[in-house]
Amino acid sequence: DLLDLTPLPISALQHPKYEALYPYPTFNPIQTQLFHVLYHTNANVLLGAPTGSGKTIVAELALLRLKLQTPHRKCVYIAPLKSLARERLREWQKKLRGLGWKVLELSGDT
């Protein structure tokens, strides 16, 4: 169960370029619950949540921390379906372009 927390404002990112990535004023309950551990620590997190619950944004919080702390490091996103990987690729290429990040797809397909 989630704690009964007040929704965290996007401004908690304390980084104007990161805040501009999100067109809404607050994170949802799952994102609020996990924000501190993902954005302020190096702790590992395993999240199991329903479709549409905001898991992609949760992954993005970890990605934003990584790039904030170590700008030249790379991040790998693994998707169970090629169609999902393609969807994330298109979304992140558009969303992260303003940060100057490259987003690529690697596949085992031959």
C-alpha atoms as a PDB file:
ATOM      1  CA  ASP A   1       0.000   0.000   0.000  1.00  0.00           C
ATOM      2  CA  LEU A   2       1.078   3.551  -0.675  1.00  0.00           C
ATOM      3  CA  LEU A   3       1.493   6.096   2.075  1.00  0.00           C
ATOM      4  CA  ASP A   4      -1.076   8.904   2.080  1.00  0.00           C
ATOM      5  CA  LEU A   5       1.282  11.602   0.803  1.00  0.00           C
ATOM      6  CA  THR A   6       0.504  15.009  -0.642  1.00  0.00           C
ATOM      7  CA  PRO A   7       1.279  14.928  -4.383  1.00  0.00           C
ATOM      8  CA  LEU A   8       4.811  16.175  -4.930  1.00  0.00           C
ATOM      9  CA  PRO A   9       5.131  19.202  -7.229  1.00  0.00           C
ATOM     10  CA  ILE A  10       7.270  18.848 -10.351  1.00  0.00           C
ATOM     11  CA  SER A  11       9.360  21.715  -8.964  1.00  0.00           C
ATOM     12  CA  ALA A  12      10.851  19.163  -6.521  1.00  0.00           C
ATOM     13  CA  LEU A  13      13.225  18.311  -9.380  1.00  0.00           C
ATOM     14  CA  GLN A  14      14.906  21.681  -8.703  1.00  0.00           C
ATOM     15  CA  HIS A  15      16.179  21.802 -12.279  1.00  0.00           C
ATOM     16  CA  PRO A  16      14.317  24.036 -14.768  1.00  0.00           C
ATOM     17  CA  LYS A  17      15.133  21.907 -17.831  1.00  0.00           C
ATOM     18  CA  TYR A  18      13.962  18.747 -16.058  1.00  0.00           C
ATOM     19  CA  GLU A  19      10.809  20.450 -14.791  1.00  0.00           C
ATOM     20  CA  ALA A  20       9.975  21.523 -18.352  1.00  0.00           C
ATOM     21  CA  LEU A  21       9.774  17.836 -19.372  1.00  0.00           C
ATOM     22  CA  TYR A  22       6.511  17.403 -17.471  1.00  0.00           C
ATOM     23  CA  PRO A  23       3.360  19.314 -18.505  1.00  0.00           C
ATOM     24  CA  TYR A  24       1.498  18.685 -15.262  1.00  0.00           C
ATOM     25  CA  PRO A  25       1.967  20.331 -11.837  1.00  0.00           C
ATOM     26  CA  THR A  26       2.486  17.257  -9.623  1.00  0.00           C
ATOM     27  CA  PHE A  27       3.692  13.683  -9.683  1.00  0.00           C
ATOM     28  CA  ASN A  28       1.085  10.952  -9.155  1.00  0.00           C
ATOM     29  CA  PRO A  29       0.923   8.899  -5.903  1.00  0.00           C
ATOM     30  CA  ILE A  30       3.359   6.164  -7.021  1.00  0.00           C
ATOM     31  CA  GLN A  31       5.827   8.716  -8.385  1.00  0.00           C
ATOM     32  CA  THR A  32       5.500  10.827  -5.228  1.00  0.00           C
ATOM     33  CA  GLN A  33       6.106   7.755  -3.070  1.00  0.00           C
ATOM     34  CA  LEU A  34       9.315   6.830  -4.928  1.00  0.00           C
ATOM     35  CA  PHE A  35      10.657  10.295  -5.771  1.00  0.00           C
ATOM     36  CA  HIS A  36      13.143  10.686  -2.907  1.00  0.00           C
ATOM     37  CA  VAL A  37      14.725   7.263  -3.207  1.00  0.00           C
ATOM     38  CA  LEU A  38      15.050   7.545  -7.015  1.00  0.00           C
ATOM     39  CA  TYR A  39      16.138  11.158  -7.325  1.00  0.00           C
ATOM     40  CA  HIS A  40      18.265  11.541  -4.196  1.00  0.00           C
ATOM     41  CA  THR A  41      19.854   8.139  -3.532  1.00  0.00           C
ATOM     42  CA  ASN A  42      21.654   5.327  -5.322  1.00  0.00           C
ATOM     43  CA  ALA A  43      19.277   2.698  -3.945  1.00  0.00           C
ATOM     44  CA  ASN A  44      17.936  -0.020  -6.226  1.00  0.00           C
ATOM     45  CA  VAL A  45      14.174  -0.112  -6.753  1.00  0.00           C
ATOM     46  CA  LEU A  46      11.924  -2.852  -8.107  1.00  0.00           C
ATOM     47  CA  LEU A  47       8.452  -1.544  -8.946  1.00  0.00           C
ATOM     48  CA  GLY A  48       5.512  -3.717  -9.829  1.00  0.00           C
ATOM     49  CA  ALA A  49       2.456  -1.647 -10.735  1.00  0.00           C
ATOM     50  CA  PRO A  50      -0.446  -1.805 -13.198  1.00  0.00           C
ATOM     51  CA  THR A  51      -0.365  -0.488 -16.746  1.00  0.00           C
ATOM     52  CA  GLY A  52      -0.922   3.262 -16.805  1.00  0.00           C
ATOM     53  CA  SER A  53       0.259   3.795 -13.239  1.00  0.00           C
ATOM     54  CA  GLY A  54       3.260   5.979 -14.121  1.00  0.00           C
ATOM     55  CA  LYS A  55       6.111   3.467 -14.164  1.00  0.00           C
ATOM     56  CA  THR A  56       7.796   5.160 -17.134  1.00  0.00           C
ATOM     57  CA  ILE A  57       8.028   8.450 -15.238  1.00  0.00           C
ATOM     58  CA  VAL A  58       9.454   6.540 -12.266  1.00  0.00           C
ATOM     59  CA  ALA A  59      12.183   5.168 -14.564  1.00  0.00           C
ATOM     60  CA  GLU A  60      12.775   8.685 -15.879  1.00  0.00           C
ATOM     61  CA  LEU A  61      13.388   9.955 -12.332  1.00  0.00           C
ATOM     62  CA  ALA A  62      16.252   7.475 -11.970  1.00  0.00           C
ATOM     63  CA  LEU A  63      17.555   8.453 -15.408  1.00  0.00           C
ATOM     64  CA  LEU A  64      17.445  12.168 -14.554  1.00  0.00           C
ATOM     65  CA  ARG A  65      19.431  11.557 -11.364  1.00  0.00           C
ATOM     66  CA  LEU A  66      22.021   9.499 -13.213  1.00  0.00           C
ATOM     67  CA  LYS A  67      22.536  12.213 -15.832  1.00  0.00           C
ATOM     68  CA  LEU A  68      22.567  14.957 -13.204  1.00  0.00           C
ATOM     69  CA  GLN A  69      25.226  13.168 -11.147  1.00  0.00           C
ATOM     70  CA  THR A  70      27.287  11.743 -14.029  1.00  0.00           C
ATOM     71  CA  PRO A  71      26.389  13.462 -17.319  1.00  0.00           C
ATOM     72  CA  HIS A  72      28.517  11.235 -19.554  1.00  0.00           C
ATOM     73  CA  ARG A  73      27.131   7.905 -18.345  1.00  0.00           C
ATOM     74  CA  LYS A  74      24.721   5.826 -20.359  1.00  0.00           C
ATOM     75  CA  CYS A  75      21.433   4.279 -19.345  1.00  0.00           C
ATOM     76  CA  VAL A  76      19.800   1.122 -20.702  1.00  0.00           C
ATOM     77  CA  TYR A  77      16.047   0.604 -20.851  1.00  0.00           C
ATOM     78  CA  ILE A  78      14.941  -2.965 -21.530  1.00  0.00           C
ATOM     79  CA  ALA A  79      11.438  -3.574 -22.839  1.00  0.00           C
ATOM     80  CA  PRO A  80       9.636  -6.916 -23.090  1.00  0.00           C
ATOM     81  CA  LEU A  81       8.241  -6.119 -26.546  1.00  0.00           C
ATOM     82  CA  LYS A  82       9.838  -4.510 -29.569  1.00  0.00           C
ATOM     83  CA  SER A  83       6.718  -2.369 -30.042  1.00  0.00           C
ATOM     84  CA  LEU A  84       7.097  -0.996 -26.512  1.00  0.00           C
ATOM     85  CA  ALA A  85      10.784  -0.283 -27.099  1.00  0.00           C
ATOM     86  CA  ARG A  86       9.885   1.611 -30.294  1.00  0.00           C
ATOM     87  CA  GLU A  87       7.217   3.594 -28.444  1.00  0.00           C
ATOM     88  CA  ARG A  88       9.694   4.628 -25.726  1.00  0.00           C
ATOM     89  CA  LEU A  89      12.309   5.423 -28.383  1.00  0.00           C
ATOM     90  CA  ARG A  90      10.017   7.856 -30.205  1.00  0.00           C
ATOM     91  CA  GLU A  91       8.742   9.406 -26.983  1.00  0.00           C
ATOM     92  CA  TRP A  92      12.189   9.874 -25.443  1.00  0.00           C
ATOM     93  CA  GLN A  93      13.806  11.142 -28.646  1.00  0.00           C
ATOM     94  CA  LYS A  94      11.221  13.919 -28.720  1.00  0.00           C
ATOM     95  CA  LYS A  95      11.100  14.547 -24.963  1.00  0.00           C
ATOM     96  CA  LEU A  96      14.848  14.491 -24.260  1.00  0.00           C
ATOM     97  CA  ARG A  97      16.007  16.316 -27.402  1.00  0.00           C
ATOM     98  CA  GLY A  98      16.080  19.622 -25.520  1.00  0.00           C
ATOM     99  CA  LEU A  99      18.576  18.163 -23.056  1.00  0.00           C
ATOM    100  CA  GLY A 100      20.959  17.231 -25.874  1.00  0.00           C
ATOM    101  CA  TRP A 101      20.729  13.513 -25.103  1.00  0.00           C
ATOM    102  CA  LYS A 102      20.884  10.802 -27.752  1.00  0.00           C
ATOM    103  CA  VAL A 103      18.311   8.031 -27.548  1.00  0.00           C
ATOM    104  CA  LEU A 104      19.005   4.880 -29.545  1.00  0.00           C
ATOM    105  CA  GLU A 105      17.397   1.483 -30.019  1.00  0.00           C
ATOM    106  CA  LEU A 106      19.438  -1.693 -29.996  1.00  0.00           C
ATOM    107  CA  SER A 107      17.788  -4.951 -30.935  1.00  0.00           C
ATOM    108  CA  GLY A 108      18.744  -8.600 -31.188  1.00  0.00           C
ATOM    109  CA  ASP A 109      16.734  -8.856 -34.411  1.00  0.00           C
ATOM    110  CA  THR A 110      18.705  -9.815 -37.501  1.00  0.00           C
END
